[in-house]
Amino acid sequence: FLVGFSVVIGLVLLGLPGLGWRPMVSYWFGAILSAASGYIGMTVATYSNVLTTLACEPNEPGQAGDLNAGLRVAFKSGAVMALSVVSSALIGIAILYVAFEDEDKSGQDRKEIWEHIAAFAFGGS
């Protein structure tokens, strides 16, 4: 269902007057990176939940678990995931900017390039 929705929205962007094909490409690229980040994030979250549980286990039966160790593992896992999402967004914007700037040999329409790249955020959400 979500893939069909993304295709329809991309085609609507293509059909809007004055926009062209760049916003459609930006939208789809954002949607693909968002889906990849979500999949990787859920995989990392599942793995880090297991590691957090293991870090919280007591060393000997009858003792209290080490909450501090579990919180450190959880914080580091969350930081890794947050950095990977942000870095994929920045790399995606950079790739789109370089691709669209190469096509525009004059360098005059930078504002227009950024307006087309704004669809990347729409696809990423």
N, C-alpha and C. Protein backbone atom coordinates (compact mmCIF):
# COMPACT_ATOMS: atom_id res chain seq x y z
N PHE A 1 0.81 -1.19 0.00
CA PHE A 1 0.00 0.00 0.00
C PHE A 1 0.86 1.26 0.00
N LEU A 2 1.89 1.26 0.83
CA LEU A 2 2.75 2.44 0.94
C LEU A 2 3.54 2.68 -0.34
N VAL A 3 3.96 1.62 -1.00
CA VAL A 3 4.68 1.77 -2.26
C VAL A 3 3.76 2.38 -3.31
N GLY A 4 2.55 1.91 -3.38
CA GLY A 4 1.57 2.48 -4.32
C GLY A 4 1.30 3.94 -4.04
N PHE A 5 1.18 4.29 -2.77
CA PHE A 5 0.97 5.69 -2.39
C PHE A 5 2.15 6.55 -2.82
N SER A 6 3.36 6.05 -2.61
CA SER A 6 4.56 6.80 -3.01
C SER A 6 4.64 6.99 -4.52
N VAL A 7 4.26 5.97 -5.26
CA VAL A 7 4.26 6.08 -6.72
C VAL A 7 3.25 7.13 -7.17
N VAL A 8 2.06 7.11 -6.58
CA VAL A 8 1.03 8.08 -6.95
C VAL A 8 1.48 9.50 -6.63
N ILE A 9 2.02 9.71 -5.45
CA ILE A 9 2.49 11.05 -5.06
C ILE A 9 3.62 11.51 -5.99
N GLY A 10 4.53 10.61 -6.32
CA GLY A 10 5.60 10.96 -7.26
C GLY A 10 5.06 11.36 -8.62
N LEU A 11 4.07 10.65 -9.10
CA LEU A 11 3.47 11.00 -10.39
C LEU A 11 2.69 12.30 -10.33
N VAL A 12 2.07 12.58 -9.19
CA VAL A 12 1.39 13.87 -9.01
C VAL A 12 2.41 15.00 -9.05
N LEU A 13 3.55 14.80 -8.38
CA LEU A 13 4.61 15.81 -8.42
C LEU A 13 5.11 16.01 -9.85
N LEU A 14 5.19 14.95 -10.61
CA LEU A 14 5.62 15.05 -11.99
C LEU A 14 4.62 15.84 -12.83
N GLY A 15 3.34 15.69 -12.50
CA GLY A 15 2.31 16.33 -13.29
C GLY A 15 2.04 17.79 -12.93
N LEU A 16 2.57 18.26 -11.80
CA LEU A 16 2.33 19.65 -11.43
C LEU A 16 3.05 20.59 -12.38
N PRO A 17 2.40 21.64 -12.81
CA PRO A 17 3.02 22.54 -13.78
C PRO A 17 4.20 23.30 -13.18
N GLY A 18 5.25 23.40 -13.94
CA GLY A 18 6.42 24.18 -13.54
C GLY A 18 7.43 23.46 -12.68
N LEU A 19 7.18 22.20 -12.32
CA LEU A 19 8.11 21.51 -11.44
C LEU A 19 9.07 20.60 -12.19
N GLY A 20 8.58 19.84 -13.12
CA GLY A 20 9.45 18.93 -13.86
C GLY A 20 9.64 17.62 -13.12
N TRP A 21 10.70 16.91 -13.47
CA TRP A 21 10.93 15.57 -12.95
C TRP A 21 11.80 15.56 -11.69
N ARG A 22 12.50 16.64 -11.39
CA ARG A 22 13.42 16.65 -10.25
C ARG A 22 12.73 16.44 -8.90
N PRO A 23 11.60 17.11 -8.62
CA PRO A 23 10.94 16.84 -7.34
C PRO A 23 10.48 15.39 -7.19
N MET A 24 10.08 14.77 -8.29
CA MET A 24 9.66 13.38 -8.24
C MET A 24 10.84 12.49 -7.85
N VAL A 25 11.98 12.72 -8.45
CA VAL A 25 13.18 11.93 -8.12
C VAL A 25 13.58 12.18 -6.67
N SER A 26 13.53 13.43 -6.23
CA SER A 26 13.88 13.76 -4.85
C SER A 26 12.93 13.08 -3.87
N TYR A 27 11.65 13.10 -4.19
CA TYR A 27 10.65 12.47 -3.32
C TYR A 27 10.89 10.97 -3.21
N TRP A 28 11.07 10.31 -4.34
CA TRP A 28 11.29 8.87 -4.31
C TRP A 28 12.60 8.51 -3.62
N PHE A 29 13.64 9.29 -3.84
CA PHE A 29 14.92 9.03 -3.18
C PHE A 29 14.77 9.18 -1.66
N GLY A 30 14.04 10.19 -1.22
CA GLY A 30 13.78 10.37 0.21
C GLY A 30 12.99 9.22 0.79
N ALA A 31 12.00 8.74 0.05
CA ALA A 31 11.18 7.63 0.52
C ALA A 31 11.99 6.34 0.63
N ILE A 32 12.87 6.12 -0.34
CA ILE A 32 13.71 4.91 -0.31
C ILE A 32 14.69 4.96 0.86
N LEU A 33 15.33 6.11 1.07
CA LEU A 33 16.25 6.23 2.19
C LEU A 33 15.52 6.13 3.53
N SER A 34 14.31 6.66 3.60
CA SER A 34 13.53 6.56 4.83
C SER A 34 13.17 5.11 5.14
N ALA A 35 12.76 4.38 4.12
CA ALA A 35 12.41 2.97 4.32
C ALA A 35 13.64 2.16 4.73
N ALA A 36 14.77 2.44 4.09
CA ALA A 36 16.00 1.73 4.44
C ALA A 36 16.43 2.06 5.88
N SER A 37 16.32 3.32 6.26
CA SER A 37 16.68 3.72 7.62
C SER A 37 15.74 3.07 8.63
N GLY A 38 14.46 2.99 8.31
CA GLY A 38 13.52 2.33 9.20
C GLY A 38 13.81 0.85 9.38
N TYR A 39 14.13 0.18 8.28
CA TYR A 39 14.45 -1.24 8.37
C TYR A 39 15.73 -1.47 9.18
N ILE A 40 16.75 -0.70 8.86
CA ILE A 40 18.01 -0.84 9.61
C ILE A 40 17.80 -0.48 11.07
N GLY A 41 17.00 0.57 11.32
CA GLY A 41 16.74 0.98 12.69
C GLY A 41 16.04 -0.08 13.50
N MET A 42 15.07 -0.74 12.91
CA MET A 42 14.38 -1.80 13.64
C MET A 42 15.28 -3.00 13.89
N THR A 43 16.16 -3.28 12.94
CA THR A 43 17.11 -4.38 13.14
C THR A 43 18.08 -4.05 14.27
N VAL A 44 18.61 -2.84 14.25
CA VAL A 44 19.54 -2.42 15.31
C VAL A 44 18.83 -2.37 16.65
N ALA A 45 17.59 -1.88 16.68
CA ALA A 45 16.84 -1.80 17.93
C ALA A 45 16.59 -3.18 18.53
N THR A 46 16.24 -4.14 17.69
CA THR A 46 16.01 -5.49 18.19
C THR A 46 17.28 -6.10 18.76
N TYR A 47 18.38 -5.93 18.04
CA TYR A 47 19.66 -6.46 18.50
C TYR A 47 20.10 -5.75 19.78
N SER A 48 19.93 -4.43 19.83
CA SER A 48 20.39 -3.70 21.02
C SER A 48 19.50 -3.98 22.23
N ASN A 49 18.22 -4.33 22.00
CA ASN A 49 17.38 -4.72 23.14
C ASN A 49 17.89 -5.99 23.79
N VAL A 50 18.35 -6.92 22.98
CA VAL A 50 18.93 -8.15 23.52
C VAL A 50 20.20 -7.84 24.30
N LEU A 51 21.06 -6.98 23.73
CA LEU A 51 22.29 -6.61 24.42
C LEU A 51 22.02 -5.86 25.72
N THR A 52 21.00 -5.02 25.72
CA THR A 52 20.64 -4.28 26.94
C THR A 52 20.15 -5.23 28.02
N THR A 53 19.34 -6.19 27.62
CA THR A 53 18.84 -7.18 28.58
C THR A 53 19.99 -7.99 29.17
N LEU A 54 20.91 -8.39 28.32
CA LEU A 54 22.06 -9.16 28.82
C LEU A 54 22.95 -8.32 29.73
N ALA A 55 23.07 -7.03 29.44
CA ALA A 55 23.90 -6.17 30.28
C ALA A 55 23.26 -5.94 31.65
N CYS A 56 21.94 -6.02 31.73
CA CYS A 56 21.23 -5.79 32.99
C CYS A 56 21.15 -7.04 33.87
N GLU A 57 21.49 -8.18 33.33
CA GLU A 57 21.39 -9.42 34.11
C GLU A 57 22.37 -9.39 35.28
N PRO A 58 21.95 -9.95 36.41
CA PRO A 58 22.86 -10.02 37.56
C PRO A 58 23.97 -11.03 37.31
N ASN A 59 25.10 -10.80 37.95
CA ASN A 59 26.24 -11.72 37.80
C ASN A 59 25.98 -13.05 38.49
N GLU A 60 25.32 -12.99 39.65
CA GLU A 60 25.01 -14.20 40.40
C GLU A 60 23.52 -14.22 40.71
N PRO A 61 22.93 -15.40 40.79
CA PRO A 61 21.50 -15.48 41.12
C PRO A 61 21.23 -14.86 42.50
N GLY A 62 20.14 -14.14 42.58
CA GLY A 62 19.76 -13.53 43.85
C GLY A 62 20.26 -12.10 44.01
N GLN A 63 21.16 -11.68 43.16
CA GLN A 63 21.66 -10.30 43.23
C GLN A 63 20.82 -9.40 42.31
N ALA A 64 20.93 -8.12 42.57
CA ALA A 64 20.24 -7.15 41.71
C ALA A 64 21.03 -6.99 40.41
N GLY A 65 20.33 -6.72 39.32
CA GLY A 65 20.99 -6.50 38.04
C GLY A 65 21.67 -5.14 37.98
N ASP A 66 22.51 -4.97 36.99
CA ASP A 66 23.27 -3.73 36.82
C ASP A 66 22.53 -2.82 35.84
N LEU A 67 21.69 -1.94 36.37
CA LEU A 67 20.90 -1.03 35.55
C LEU A 67 21.79 -0.05 34.79
N ASN A 68 22.86 0.40 35.42
CA ASN A 68 23.76 1.35 34.79
C ASN A 68 24.38 0.78 33.51
N ALA A 69 24.79 -0.48 33.55
CA ALA A 69 25.37 -1.10 32.36
C ALA A 69 24.34 -1.20 31.24
N GLY A 70 23.12 -1.54 31.59
CA GLY A 70 22.06 -1.62 30.59
C GLY A 70 21.75 -0.27 29.97
N LEU A 71 21.74 0.78 30.79
CA LEU A 71 21.47 2.12 30.26
C LEU A 71 22.60 2.60 29.35
N ARG A 72 23.82 2.23 29.67
CA ARG A 72 24.95 2.62 28.79
C ARG A 72 24.83 1.94 27.43
N VAL A 73 24.48 0.67 27.41
CA VAL A 73 24.31 -0.04 26.14
C VAL A 73 23.16 0.57 25.35
N ALA A 74 22.05 0.85 26.02
CA ALA A 74 20.89 1.41 25.33
C ALA A 74 21.20 2.79 24.77
N PHE A 75 21.91 3.61 25.52
CA PHE A 75 22.25 4.96 25.05
C PHE A 75 23.17 4.91 23.84
N LYS A 76 24.17 4.04 23.90
CA LYS A 76 25.09 3.91 22.76
C LYS A 76 24.38 3.38 21.52
N SER A 77 23.47 2.45 21.71
CA SER A 77 22.72 1.91 20.57
C SER A 77 21.83 2.97 19.95
N GLY A 78 21.19 3.77 20.77
CA GLY A 78 20.35 4.85 20.27
C GLY A 78 21.16 5.91 19.55
N ALA A 79 22.35 6.20 20.06
CA ALA A 79 23.21 7.19 19.42
C ALA A 79 23.67 6.70 18.05
N VAL A 80 24.00 5.44 17.95
CA VAL A 80 24.42 4.89 16.66
C VAL A 80 23.28 4.99 15.65
N MET A 81 22.07 4.66 16.07
CA MET A 81 20.93 4.72 15.15
C MET A 81 20.62 6.15 14.75
N ALA A 82 20.67 7.08 15.69
CA ALA A 82 20.39 8.48 15.36
C ALA A 82 21.42 9.04 14.38
N LEU A 83 22.67 8.72 14.60
CA LEU A 83 23.72 9.19 13.68
C LEU A 83 23.58 8.57 12.30
N SER A 84 23.14 7.33 12.22
CA SER A 84 22.98 6.71 10.91
C SER A 84 21.81 7.33 10.14
N VAL A 85 20.73 7.67 10.82
CA VAL A 85 19.59 8.30 10.15
C VAL A 85 19.97 9.69 9.65
N VAL A 86 20.62 10.46 10.51
CA VAL A 86 21.02 11.82 10.12
C VAL A 86 22.04 11.78 8.99
N SER A 87 22.98 10.86 9.07
CA SER A 87 24.01 10.80 8.01
C SER A 87 23.41 10.35 6.69
N SER A 88 22.42 9.45 6.72
CA SER A 88 21.80 9.04 5.45
C SER A 88 21.03 10.21 4.84
N ALA A 89 20.42 11.04 5.67
CA ALA A 89 19.71 12.22 5.15
C ALA A 89 20.69 13.22 4.54
N LEU A 90 21.79 13.47 5.22
CA LEU A 90 22.78 14.42 4.69
C LEU A 90 23.43 13.91 3.41
N ILE A 91 23.73 12.63 3.38
CA ILE A 91 24.32 12.05 2.17
C ILE A 91 23.31 12.09 1.02
N GLY A 92 22.04 11.82 1.32
CA GLY A 92 21.01 11.89 0.28
C GLY A 92 20.87 13.29 -0.30
N ILE A 93 20.86 14.30 0.56
CA ILE A 93 20.77 15.68 0.08
C ILE A 93 21.99 16.04 -0.75
N ALA A 94 23.17 15.62 -0.29
CA ALA A 94 24.40 15.92 -1.04
C ALA A 94 24.39 15.25 -2.42
N ILE A 95 23.93 14.01 -2.48
CA ILE A 95 23.88 13.31 -3.77
C ILE A 95 22.92 14.02 -4.72
N LEU A 96 21.75 14.40 -4.20
CA LEU A 96 20.79 15.10 -5.05
C LEU A 96 21.33 16.44 -5.52
N TYR A 97 21.98 17.17 -4.64
CA TYR A 97 22.50 18.48 -5.02
C TYR A 97 23.57 18.35 -6.10
N VAL A 98 24.47 17.40 -5.92
CA VAL A 98 25.53 17.20 -6.92
C VAL A 98 24.92 16.74 -8.25
N ALA A 99 23.94 15.86 -8.19
CA ALA A 99 23.31 15.37 -9.43
C ALA A 99 22.57 16.49 -10.15
N PHE A 100 21.84 17.30 -9.42
CA PHE A 100 21.07 18.37 -10.05
C PHE A 100 21.96 19.53 -10.47
N GLU A 101 23.06 19.76 -9.75
CA GLU A 101 23.96 20.84 -10.12
C GLU A 101 24.75 20.48 -11.37
N ASP A 102 25.13 19.21 -11.50
CA ASP A 102 25.84 18.77 -12.70
C ASP A 102 25.00 18.97 -13.94
N GLU A 103 23.71 18.77 -13.78
CA GLU A 103 22.83 18.92 -14.92
C GLU A 103 22.68 20.39 -15.32
N ASP A 104 22.76 21.28 -14.33
CA ASP A 104 22.64 22.71 -14.58
C ASP A 104 24.05 23.28 -14.72
N LYS A 105 24.55 23.34 -15.94
CA LYS A 105 25.94 23.73 -16.18
C LYS A 105 26.20 25.20 -15.86
N SER A 106 25.18 26.05 -15.93
CA SER A 106 25.40 27.48 -15.74
C SER A 106 25.56 27.85 -14.27
N GLY A 107 24.97 27.10 -13.36
CA GLY A 107 25.06 27.42 -11.94
C GLY A 107 24.16 28.58 -11.54
N GLN A 108 23.27 29.00 -12.41
CA GLN A 108 22.41 30.15 -12.14
C GLN A 108 21.20 29.80 -11.28
N ASP A 109 20.74 28.58 -11.36
CA ASP A 109 19.46 28.24 -10.75
C ASP A 109 19.63 27.46 -9.45
N ARG A 110 20.48 27.93 -8.56
CA ARG A 110 20.69 27.20 -7.30
C ARG A 110 19.46 27.24 -6.41
N LYS A 111 18.74 28.35 -6.43
CA LYS A 111 17.51 28.43 -5.64
C LYS A 111 16.50 27.40 -6.13
N GLU A 112 16.41 27.26 -7.43
CA GLU A 112 15.49 26.28 -8.00
C GLU A 112 15.91 24.85 -7.64
N ILE A 113 17.21 24.60 -7.62
CA ILE A 113 17.70 23.27 -7.23
C ILE A 113 17.28 22.95 -5.80
N TRP A 114 17.43 23.91 -4.90
CA TRP A 114 17.04 23.67 -3.50
C TRP A 114 15.53 23.51 -3.37
N GLU A 115 14.77 24.19 -4.20
CA GLU A 115 13.32 24.00 -4.17
C GLU A 115 12.94 22.59 -4.61
N HIS A 116 13.67 22.06 -5.57
CA HIS A 116 13.39 20.69 -6.01
C HIS A 116 13.84 19.68 -4.95
N ILE A 117 14.92 19.96 -4.27
CA ILE A 117 15.42 19.03 -3.25
C ILE A 117 14.50 19.03 -2.02
N ALA A 118 13.68 20.04 -1.85
CA ALA A 118 12.74 20.07 -0.72
C ALA A 118 11.79 18.88 -0.75
N ALA A 119 11.53 18.33 -1.91
CA ALA A 119 10.68 17.15 -2.01
C ALA A 119 11.33 15.92 -1.36
N PHE A 120 12.64 15.95 -1.18
CA PHE A 120 13.36 14.87 -0.50
C PHE A 120 12.84 14.72 0.94
N ALA A 121 12.63 15.85 1.62
CA ALA A 121 12.12 15.82 2.98
C ALA A 121 10.69 15.29 3.02
N PHE A 122 9.91 15.63 2.01
CA PHE A 122 8.54 15.15 1.92
C PHE A 122 8.53 13.62 1.77
N GLY A 123 9.41 13.11 0.95
CA GLY A 123 9.51 11.65 0.78
C GLY A 123 10.06 10.97 2.02
N GLY A 124 10.97 11.65 2.70
CA GLY A 124 11.56 11.07 3.90
C GLY A 124 10.62 11.00 5.09
N SER A 125 9.58 11.81 5.05
CA SER A 125 8.65 11.81 6.17
C SER A 125 7.60 10.74 5.97
